[in-house]
Amino acid sequence: MTLLLALPLVSVFGYSNQPLNTAMTTNDELLFTDNSRLQEYLETEFVLQFQDEKFPFKPVDFSNWKVRFSLEEEYSSEIESSDLCQDYNFLSSYTGQSPVDNYLSVCNLTSATKSIGHFKKGAVLKINKNKVTDFVSNLSEEIVSAPKNAKIKMEFEKNIDATETLINEKAITEPKGKLTIVAPAESGFSLDENETNNLILTILQNPEKGKIFQLPIKEEKPKISKETLDNLEISEQIGHGESNFAGSPKNRIFNINIATDKFNGILLGPGEEFSFVTILGPVEKETGYKEELVIRDNKTIPEYGGGVCQVSTTVFRAALNAGLKITERQNHSYPVEYYSPQGTDATIYLPKPDLRFINNTPNYILFQSSIEGNKLVFDFFGESDGRKVEMEGPTVTERTSEGILKVKLKQIVTSADGKLLFEDTFDSIYDNPAKYHETELLKIKPDNWSVRQWNDYKKSHNM
């Protein structure tokens, strides 16, 4: 008679001559008849690996167990097989007397109810699938990475394979552009969670000590790579924007360079919405920025990243001239000389306001920047669909005695056959700059200012 069947497994943990007496049931249960082997199994470390990263786990993390007994007629308990009871049984059969009367009741019990001595103690371990699923879910978050497109640029070779363009009935020669890769593409990776769950369950049921198991990974290829470069159909300039930052302090110029590099070489897919704030990322000391004046909380104060709006303004101008649909833009609180002419600026501050627009062309757009002296330039390259862009303004519509300035700018975009695609008007209202600058000099360092901010303030005010 057997209450719970215990079958021997093939060698585990490398013990080919010491099989682990376990059996897997349909309920994901393992029966252990040897406690020392149970403890060894629970504490054995298994390793999952992806690339150079290793993720260890132990069976104890995913299981619980309880005591089970099985009745096996061939099994003898320690009491039954002891010399004491064997002597008792032998002598009593001849003399009816026990040499050790103190143990009479124990030996009588095992003799009278012999089957009691055939109960074998074991342990049933049950795998908790929910714990395995949670482990895999957390693992997935650590491994996942998005694919990165190759960073590319448009290069021009003058007088080589040039094309002729007719402007005002005069033929002029323009250099032909060629796309080149600046930084290679990188594949993205994600964890196949179903396969990983199955892998862990297999390891728990058929453990191999010391083996490293490779995680099942799904690879996602980037859209833009060396192999797909020729499919981009980026062949010509479709937009241009520029701004002048002459007179900027060195920290402001430094920040302009840092931020410009974030946008140089990015690609905007057809129908995709651009977000300046998203691509820019955190603006702080840790990301390389220096302190410079910014407009915040109705004040002009030093803060990390002052000057980044020079970049957003220039990108805004290129998007306007390319005939892209602007979905979010806000002017500065007061007129800033670096963004002349007023009405064509775009302020940003994390997380809001943002500069956003949609690539409403049929192909990818490549952003390419350059700094020429005090001039920041952004060119957009793509494939023209023949659209024409007309800008009306910027026009000053009102100046008030309180120092308020109102400016209007209109963008009109028509198709190649002259039909109106859309038109947008950008109304800018600028406040009096005097409201955003201190009328009295500070004599004590504000609590929320750094020593450097305070020293810069004193220096700028000849204190």
Protein backbone atom coordinates (compact mmCIF):
# COMPACT_ATOMS: atom_id res chain seq x y z
CA MET A 1 0.00 0.00 0.00
CA THR A 2 1.33 3.47 -0.90
CA LEU A 3 -0.12 6.81 0.16
CA LEU A 4 2.13 8.94 -2.04
CA LEU A 5 4.27 7.47 -4.77
CA ALA A 6 7.95 8.47 -4.68
CA LEU A 7 9.89 7.84 -7.89
CA PRO A 8 13.65 8.32 -8.33
CA LEU A 9 14.78 11.06 -10.72
CA VAL A 10 17.86 10.76 -12.88
CA SER A 11 21.03 12.33 -11.53
CA VAL A 12 20.74 15.93 -10.37
CA PHE A 13 23.34 18.36 -9.07
CA GLY A 14 25.88 16.03 -10.74
CA TYR A 15 25.34 13.20 -8.26
CA SER A 16 25.00 10.37 -10.80
CA ASN A 17 25.40 7.73 -8.10
CA GLN A 18 23.10 9.47 -5.62
CA PRO A 19 19.71 9.98 -7.25
CA LEU A 20 17.43 12.55 -5.64
CA ASN A 21 14.30 10.62 -4.72
CA THR A 22 11.70 13.05 -5.97
CA ALA A 23 8.69 12.95 -8.23
CA MET A 24 7.02 15.80 -10.15
CA THR A 25 3.26 15.60 -10.02
CA THR A 26 0.72 17.32 -12.26
CA ASN A 27 0.41 20.07 -9.62
CA ASP A 28 4.08 21.09 -9.97
CA GLU A 29 5.04 19.30 -6.77
CA LEU A 30 8.37 17.67 -5.92
CA LEU A 31 8.61 14.93 -3.27
CA PHE A 32 11.83 14.74 -1.27
CA THR A 33 12.50 11.69 0.94
CA ASP A 34 15.90 12.96 2.04
CA ASN A 35 15.87 16.18 4.09
CA SER A 36 19.51 16.98 3.45
CA ARG A 37 18.93 16.82 -0.29
CA LEU A 38 15.89 19.09 0.09
CA GLN A 39 17.96 21.76 1.88
CA GLU A 40 20.73 21.48 -0.68
CA TYR A 41 18.23 21.89 -3.51
CA LEU A 42 16.52 24.91 -1.95
CA GLU A 43 19.82 26.78 -1.48
CA THR A 44 21.36 25.91 -4.83
CA GLU A 45 21.99 29.02 -6.92
CA PHE A 46 21.12 28.98 -10.62
CA VAL A 47 22.19 31.73 -13.01
CA LEU A 48 20.35 33.31 -15.93
CA GLN A 49 22.46 35.39 -18.29
CA PHE A 50 22.01 38.05 -20.99
CA GLN A 51 25.15 39.42 -22.60
CA ASP A 52 27.51 40.22 -19.69
CA GLU A 53 24.78 40.51 -17.04
CA LYS A 54 23.96 37.61 -14.73
CA PHE A 55 20.74 37.15 -12.77
CA PRO A 56 20.94 34.49 -10.01
CA PHE A 57 18.01 32.85 -8.24
CA LYS A 58 17.40 29.98 -5.81
CA PRO A 59 14.49 27.49 -5.63
CA VAL A 60 13.73 28.75 -2.12
CA ASP A 61 12.62 32.04 -3.75
CA PHE A 62 9.75 30.33 -5.57
CA SER A 63 8.59 27.47 -3.37
CA ASN A 64 7.13 26.26 -0.11
CA TRP A 65 6.90 22.75 1.33
CA LYS A 66 5.17 20.58 3.90
CA VAL A 67 5.72 17.18 5.53
CA ARG A 68 4.21 14.11 3.86
CA PHE A 69 4.21 10.44 4.92
CA SER A 70 4.09 7.40 2.68
CA LEU A 71 3.45 3.79 3.69
CA GLU A 72 6.12 1.52 2.20
CA GLU A 73 6.10 -2.11 3.38
CA GLU A 74 9.79 -2.58 2.57
CA TYR A 75 10.79 0.40 4.72
CA SER A 76 11.92 -0.21 8.33
CA SER A 77 12.00 2.56 10.86
CA GLU A 78 14.97 3.19 13.12
CA ILE A 79 13.14 1.53 16.04
CA GLU A 80 12.22 -1.60 14.11
CA SER A 81 15.71 -2.11 12.77
CA SER A 82 17.51 -1.42 16.05
CA ASP A 83 19.52 -4.14 17.78
CA LEU A 84 17.39 -3.62 20.85
CA CYS A 85 14.14 -4.75 19.28
CA GLN A 86 15.80 -7.51 17.29
CA ASP A 87 17.20 -8.91 20.59
CA TYR A 88 13.82 -8.54 22.24
CA ASN A 89 12.00 -10.38 19.50
CA PHE A 90 14.59 -13.18 19.44
CA LEU A 91 14.65 -13.75 23.20
CA SER A 92 10.94 -13.44 23.77
CA SER A 93 10.26 -16.08 21.16
CA TYR A 94 12.24 -18.58 23.25
CA THR A 95 11.81 -17.49 26.87
CA GLY A 96 8.89 -15.10 26.81
CA GLN A 97 11.06 -12.69 28.78
CA SER A 98 12.67 -9.41 27.68
CA PRO A 99 16.24 -8.64 28.69
CA VAL A 100 15.33 -4.94 28.86
CA ASP A 101 11.87 -4.55 30.35
CA ASN A 102 12.03 -0.75 30.06
CA TYR A 103 11.70 -0.99 26.26
CA LEU A 104 9.00 -3.67 26.32
CA SER A 105 6.14 -1.35 25.38
CA VAL A 106 8.01 0.24 22.45
CA CYS A 107 9.01 -3.05 20.90
CA ASN A 108 5.56 -4.49 21.53
CA LEU A 109 4.05 -1.55 19.70
CA THR A 110 6.19 -2.07 16.63
CA SER A 111 5.46 -5.77 16.70
CA ALA A 112 1.76 -5.49 17.32
CA THR A 113 1.19 -2.80 14.72
CA LYS A 114 4.06 -3.52 12.47
CA SER A 115 2.76 -1.32 9.67
CA ILE A 116 3.31 1.80 11.79
CA GLY A 117 7.05 1.32 11.39
CA HIS A 118 6.71 1.42 7.62
CA PHE A 119 5.62 5.05 7.47
CA LYS A 120 8.34 7.00 5.66
CA LYS A 121 8.69 10.73 6.32
CA GLY A 122 9.29 13.04 3.36
CA ALA A 123 8.67 16.58 2.15
CA VAL A 124 6.54 17.86 -0.70
CA LEU A 125 7.80 21.05 -2.33
CA LYS A 126 5.37 23.08 -4.39
CA ILE A 127 6.49 25.66 -6.94
CA ASN A 128 4.70 29.00 -6.62
CA LYS A 129 4.10 30.06 -10.20
CA ASN A 130 2.98 33.55 -9.18
CA LYS A 131 6.39 34.19 -7.61
CA VAL A 132 8.08 33.00 -10.79
CA THR A 133 5.91 35.34 -12.86
CA ASP A 134 6.73 38.32 -10.60
CA PHE A 135 10.44 37.53 -10.82
CA VAL A 136 10.28 37.39 -14.63
CA SER A 137 8.30 40.65 -14.79
CA ASN A 138 10.95 42.49 -12.75
CA LEU A 139 13.68 40.90 -14.84
CA SER A 140 11.98 42.14 -18.00
CA GLU A 141 12.12 45.75 -16.78
CA GLU A 142 15.87 45.47 -16.22
CA ILE A 143 16.63 44.04 -19.63
CA VAL A 144 14.35 46.00 -21.95
CA SER A 145 16.01 48.62 -24.17
CA ALA A 146 14.70 50.52 -27.17
CA PRO A 147 16.51 50.30 -30.50
CA LYS A 148 18.63 53.31 -31.42
CA ASN A 149 18.67 54.61 -34.95
CA ALA A 150 21.97 55.35 -36.60
CA LYS A 151 23.01 58.98 -36.32
CA ILE A 152 23.49 60.37 -39.78
CA LYS A 153 24.45 63.60 -41.50
CA MET A 154 24.19 65.12 -44.93
CA GLU A 155 27.55 65.84 -46.53
CA PHE A 156 28.11 67.98 -49.57
CA GLU A 157 30.94 67.86 -52.06
CA LYS A 158 31.12 71.00 -54.12
CA ASN A 159 31.48 70.70 -57.89
CA ILE A 160 31.26 66.90 -57.68
CA ASP A 161 28.19 65.25 -59.18
CA ALA A 162 26.43 68.59 -58.94
CA THR A 163 22.89 69.32 -60.06
CA GLU A 164 21.68 72.47 -61.82
CA THR A 165 18.78 74.50 -60.49
CA LEU A 166 17.06 77.30 -62.40
CA ILE A 167 16.56 80.41 -60.29
CA ASN A 168 15.33 83.62 -61.89
CA GLU A 169 16.07 82.09 -65.31
CA LYS A 170 19.73 81.64 -64.41
CA ALA A 171 21.28 78.22 -64.03
CA ILE A 172 23.27 77.81 -60.84
CA THR A 173 25.18 74.76 -59.69
CA GLU A 174 24.29 73.17 -56.35
CA PRO A 175 26.31 70.42 -54.71
CA LYS A 176 24.58 67.06 -54.34
CA GLY A 177 24.16 65.78 -50.79
CA LYS A 178 25.12 62.32 -49.57
CA LEU A 179 24.00 60.66 -46.34
CA THR A 180 26.75 59.28 -44.12
CA ILE A 181 26.61 57.53 -40.74
CA VAL A 182 28.10 59.40 -37.78
CA ALA A 183 27.18 56.87 -35.08
CA PRO A 184 26.06 53.28 -35.78
CA ALA A 185 22.63 51.89 -35.03
CA GLU A 186 21.95 49.73 -31.96
CA SER A 187 19.40 46.94 -31.68
CA GLY A 188 16.80 46.97 -28.94
CA PHE A 189 16.14 44.00 -26.69
CA SER A 190 13.23 42.70 -24.67
CA LEU A 191 12.69 39.58 -22.61
CA ASP A 192 10.45 36.82 -23.91
CA GLU A 193 8.50 36.48 -20.67
CA ASN A 194 6.57 33.30 -21.57
CA GLU A 195 9.74 31.48 -22.60
CA THR A 196 11.55 32.72 -19.47
CA ASN A 197 8.75 31.41 -17.24
CA ASN A 198 9.00 28.03 -18.93
CA LEU A 199 12.79 28.06 -18.65
CA ILE A 200 12.72 28.70 -14.89
CA LEU A 201 10.12 25.99 -14.31
CA THR A 202 12.24 23.55 -16.31
CA ILE A 203 15.32 24.43 -14.26
CA LEU A 204 13.42 23.94 -11.01
CA GLN A 205 12.13 20.56 -12.12
CA ASN A 206 15.38 19.32 -13.68
CA PRO A 207 18.19 21.23 -11.98
CA GLU A 208 21.74 21.21 -13.29
CA LYS A 209 24.12 22.65 -10.72
CA GLY A 210 26.71 25.15 -11.94
CA LYS A 211 25.15 25.64 -15.37
CA ILE A 212 24.48 29.14 -16.71
CA PHE A 213 21.24 29.43 -18.67
CA GLN A 214 20.92 31.98 -21.48
CA LEU A 215 17.77 34.07 -21.30
CA PRO A 216 15.36 34.00 -24.27
CA ILE A 217 15.63 37.49 -25.77
CA LYS A 218 13.66 39.17 -28.54
CA GLU A 219 15.74 41.54 -30.66
CA GLU A 220 14.24 44.65 -32.28
CA LYS A 221 16.14 46.08 -35.21
CA PRO A 222 16.40 49.89 -35.54
CA LYS A 223 14.56 51.51 -38.42
CA ILE A 224 17.60 53.51 -39.48
CA SER A 225 20.84 51.62 -40.00
CA LYS A 226 23.57 51.12 -42.55
CA GLU A 227 21.38 48.57 -44.30
CA THR A 228 18.35 50.89 -44.56
CA LEU A 229 20.15 54.14 -45.33
CA ASP A 230 19.30 54.10 -49.04
CA ASN A 231 15.59 53.72 -48.26
CA LEU A 232 15.32 57.07 -46.44
CA GLU A 233 14.96 59.15 -49.62
CA ILE A 234 16.54 62.16 -47.91
CA SER A 235 17.99 64.18 -50.74
CA GLU A 236 17.38 67.90 -50.31
CA GLN A 237 16.99 70.77 -47.88
CA ILE A 238 13.35 71.44 -47.01
CA GLY A 239 13.72 73.88 -44.12
CA HIS A 240 16.19 76.39 -42.70
CA GLY A 241 16.32 78.36 -39.46
CA GLU A 242 18.96 80.57 -37.87
CA SER A 243 19.46 82.90 -34.92
CA ASN A 244 22.20 85.15 -33.60
CA PHE A 245 23.55 84.93 -30.06
CA ALA A 246 26.21 87.65 -30.31
CA GLY A 247 27.03 89.17 -26.92
CA SER A 248 26.16 86.02 -24.97
CA PRO A 249 28.23 85.26 -21.85
CA LYS A 250 30.54 82.26 -22.07
CA ASN A 251 28.27 80.09 -19.90
CA ARG A 252 25.33 80.78 -22.21
CA ILE A 253 27.39 79.88 -25.28
CA PHE A 254 28.53 76.70 -23.54
CA ASN A 255 24.91 75.69 -22.84
CA ILE A 256 23.88 76.44 -26.42
CA ASN A 257 26.53 74.03 -27.67
CA ILE A 258 25.49 71.30 -25.21
CA ALA A 259 21.81 71.52 -26.17
CA THR A 260 22.45 71.84 -29.92
CA ASP A 261 24.30 68.54 -29.92
CA LYS A 262 21.16 66.79 -28.60
CA PHE A 263 19.28 67.64 -31.81
CA ASN A 264 22.00 67.37 -34.40
CA GLY A 265 21.43 64.29 -36.54
CA ILE A 266 18.03 63.23 -35.19
CA LEU A 267 15.40 61.83 -37.53
CA LEU A 268 11.69 62.58 -37.44
CA GLY A 269 9.53 59.95 -39.15
CA PRO A 270 6.53 60.77 -41.34
CA GLY A 271 3.50 61.51 -39.17
CA GLU A 272 5.64 61.61 -36.02
CA GLU A 273 5.29 64.45 -33.52
CA PHE A 274 8.46 66.20 -32.37
CA SER A 275 8.86 67.18 -28.71
CA PHE A 276 11.79 69.43 -27.86
CA VAL A 277 11.56 68.72 -24.11
CA THR A 278 11.52 64.94 -24.61
CA ILE A 279 14.66 64.91 -26.75
CA LEU A 280 16.42 67.51 -24.61
CA GLY A 281 16.13 65.48 -21.42
CA PRO A 282 17.15 66.73 -17.95
CA VAL A 283 18.84 70.13 -17.80
CA GLU A 284 21.03 70.21 -14.70
CA LYS A 285 24.61 70.24 -13.51
CA GLU A 286 24.85 66.45 -13.80
CA THR A 287 23.97 66.58 -17.52
CA GLY A 288 26.73 69.08 -18.28
CA TYR A 289 25.02 72.46 -18.12
CA LYS A 290 26.31 75.64 -16.50
CA GLU A 291 24.48 78.40 -14.66
CA GLU A 292 23.16 81.29 -16.71
CA LEU A 293 20.17 83.64 -16.67
CA VAL A 294 16.72 82.17 -17.30
CA ILE A 295 13.19 83.54 -16.97
CA ARG A 296 11.37 81.73 -14.17
CA ASP A 297 8.63 82.73 -11.71
CA ASN A 298 8.49 86.25 -13.15
CA LYS A 299 12.20 86.72 -12.47
CA THR A 300 15.40 86.64 -14.47
CA ILE A 301 17.72 84.50 -12.38
CA PRO A 302 20.78 82.29 -12.85
CA GLU A 303 19.95 78.63 -13.34
CA TYR A 304 21.49 75.61 -15.01
CA GLY A 305 20.80 75.60 -18.75
CA GLY A 306 20.33 79.30 -19.47
CA GLY A 307 20.54 79.72 -23.25
CA VAL A 308 18.77 76.48 -24.27
CA CYS A 309 15.93 78.57 -25.71
CA GLN A 310 18.35 79.76 -28.41
CA VAL A 311 18.18 76.20 -29.73
CA SER A 312 14.39 75.80 -29.44
CA THR A 313 13.88 79.15 -31.17
CA THR A 314 16.12 78.16 -34.09
CA VAL A 315 14.42 74.76 -34.47
CA PHE A 316 11.03 76.52 -34.43
CA ARG A 317 12.11 78.77 -37.29
CA ALA A 318 13.32 75.80 -39.37
CA ALA A 319 10.02 73.96 -38.77
CA LEU A 320 8.02 77.01 -39.86
CA ASN A 321 10.00 77.37 -43.08
CA ALA A 322 9.67 73.65 -43.81
CA GLY A 323 5.88 73.97 -43.69
CA LEU A 324 5.49 71.63 -40.70
CA LYS A 325 2.40 71.73 -38.52
CA ILE A 326 3.21 73.43 -35.19
CA THR A 327 1.17 71.89 -32.34
CA GLU A 328 2.69 73.70 -29.32
CA ARG A 329 4.70 76.90 -29.04
CA GLN A 330 4.94 79.71 -26.51
CA ASN A 331 6.77 83.02 -26.70
CA HIS A 332 9.03 84.35 -23.93
CA SER A 333 7.62 86.49 -21.13
CA TYR A 334 9.37 89.61 -22.43
CA PRO A 335 11.38 90.48 -25.57
CA VAL A 336 14.90 88.97 -25.55
CA GLU A 337 17.51 90.51 -27.84
CA TYR A 338 18.96 87.14 -28.84
CA TYR A 339 15.62 86.15 -30.45
CA SER A 340 15.12 89.12 -32.74
CA PRO A 341 12.90 89.54 -34.69
CA GLN A 342 10.32 89.21 -31.90
CA GLY A 343 7.44 86.88 -32.67
CA THR A 344 9.67 84.09 -33.99
CA ASP A 345 10.94 82.76 -30.64
CA ALA A 346 9.95 79.61 -28.75
CA THR A 347 10.53 79.29 -25.02
CA ILE A 348 10.84 75.92 -23.30
CA TYR A 349 11.16 74.87 -19.66
CA LEU A 350 10.95 71.35 -18.26
CA PRO A 351 8.35 69.93 -18.22
CA LYS A 352 6.31 72.78 -19.73
CA PRO A 353 6.16 74.75 -21.95
CA ASP A 354 7.33 72.58 -24.83
CA LEU A 355 7.91 73.06 -28.55
CA ARG A 356 6.06 70.45 -30.59
CA PHE A 357 5.32 69.95 -34.29
CA ILE A 358 4.33 67.14 -36.66
CA ASN A 359 6.26 65.87 -39.64
CA ASN A 360 3.42 66.15 -42.15
CA THR A 361 5.67 65.26 -45.10
CA PRO A 362 5.70 61.76 -46.67
CA ASN A 363 9.31 61.01 -45.67
CA TYR A 364 11.85 61.21 -42.86
CA ILE A 365 13.31 64.59 -41.88
CA LEU A 366 16.94 64.90 -40.80
CA PHE A 367 17.87 67.70 -38.37
CA GLN A 368 21.36 69.09 -38.98
CA SER A 369 22.89 71.92 -36.98
CA SER A 370 25.98 74.08 -37.21
CA ILE A 371 27.44 77.03 -35.34
CA GLU A 372 29.12 79.63 -37.49
CA GLY A 373 30.65 82.32 -35.29
CA ASN A 374 27.73 83.79 -33.33
CA LYS A 375 25.11 82.25 -35.60
CA LEU A 376 23.23 79.03 -34.83
CA VAL A 377 21.81 77.22 -37.87
CA PHE A 378 19.39 74.32 -38.21
CA ASP A 379 18.73 72.76 -41.62
CA PHE A 380 16.01 70.19 -42.23
CA PHE A 381 16.68 67.64 -44.97
CA GLY A 382 14.10 65.35 -46.54
CA GLU A 383 12.27 64.98 -49.83
CA SER A 384 10.15 67.85 -51.03
CA ASP A 385 6.54 67.15 -51.94
CA GLY A 386 6.39 70.46 -53.80
CA ARG A 387 4.74 72.42 -50.99
CA LYS A 388 5.28 76.13 -50.76
CA VAL A 389 5.56 78.09 -47.53
CA GLU A 390 4.78 81.78 -47.14
CA MET A 391 5.46 83.72 -43.95
CA GLU A 392 3.57 86.94 -43.23
CA GLY A 393 5.32 88.97 -40.56
CA PRO A 394 6.34 89.09 -37.85
CA THR A 395 4.27 92.28 -37.55
CA VAL A 396 3.97 94.43 -34.45
CA THR A 397 0.25 94.93 -33.87
CA GLU A 398 0.37 96.93 -30.62
CA ARG A 399 2.66 98.69 -28.16
CA THR A 400 1.18 99.90 -24.91
CA SER A 401 2.28 102.58 -22.49
CA GLU A 402 2.82 99.84 -19.90
CA GLY A 403 5.55 98.35 -22.10
CA ILE A 404 3.50 95.47 -23.51
CA LEU A 405 4.34 94.38 -27.06
CA LYS A 406 2.03 92.34 -29.33
CA VAL A 407 3.31 90.63 -32.48
CA LYS A 408 1.58 88.52 -35.15
CA LEU A 409 3.17 85.92 -37.43
CA LYS A 410 1.29 83.88 -40.04
CA GLN A 411 2.40 80.63 -41.70
CA ILE A 412 0.66 79.74 -45.00
CA VAL A 413 1.36 76.33 -46.55
CA THR A 414 0.09 75.37 -50.02
CA SER A 415 0.47 72.17 -52.04
CA ALA A 416 2.41 71.80 -55.30
CA ASP A 417 -0.78 72.49 -57.29
CA GLY A 418 -1.52 75.66 -55.31
CA LYS A 419 -4.19 74.34 -52.93
CA LEU A 420 -4.16 75.59 -49.35
CA LEU A 421 -2.98 72.86 -46.99
CA PHE A 422 -3.25 74.91 -43.79
CA GLU A 423 -2.44 78.26 -42.27
CA ASP A 424 -1.59 79.11 -38.68
CA THR A 425 -1.30 82.42 -36.86
CA PHE A 426 1.10 82.84 -33.94
CA ASP A 427 0.20 85.69 -31.62
CA SER A 428 2.94 86.71 -29.21
CA ILE A 429 2.34 88.97 -26.22
CA TYR A 430 5.46 90.26 -24.44
CA ASP A 431 5.42 91.92 -21.04
CA ASN A 432 7.52 94.87 -19.86
CA PRO A 433 11.09 93.57 -19.24
CA ALA A 434 11.44 95.85 -16.21
CA LYS A 435 9.04 93.62 -14.28
CA TYR A 436 11.46 90.70 -14.54
CA HIS A 437 14.61 92.44 -13.29
CA GLU A 438 15.40 93.57 -9.78
CA THR A 439 14.93 97.27 -9.12
CA GLU A 440 17.03 97.12 -5.96
CA LEU A 441 20.32 95.27 -5.56
CA LEU A 442 20.36 92.33 -3.23
CA LYS A 443 22.63 92.77 -0.23
CA ILE A 444 22.35 89.27 1.25
CA LYS A 445 22.66 85.95 -0.59
CA PRO A 446 19.23 84.30 -0.97
CA ASP A 447 18.98 80.96 0.83
CA ASN A 448 18.22 79.05 -2.38
CA TRP A 449 21.24 80.47 -4.25
CA SER A 450 24.58 78.73 -4.48
CA VAL A 451 27.81 80.57 -3.61
CA ARG A 452 28.63 80.62 -7.29
CA GLN A 453 25.28 82.18 -8.20
CA TRP A 454 25.82 84.84 -5.54
CA ASN A 455 29.35 85.60 -6.77
CA ASP A 456 28.11 85.88 -10.38
CA TYR A 457 25.36 88.23 -9.23
CA LYS A 458 27.78 90.49 -7.35
CA LYS A 459 30.19 90.52 -10.26
CA SER A 460 27.50 91.41 -12.81
CA HIS A 461 26.35 94.31 -10.57
CA ASN A 462 29.86 95.53 -9.77
CA MET A 463 29.39 94.77 -6.09
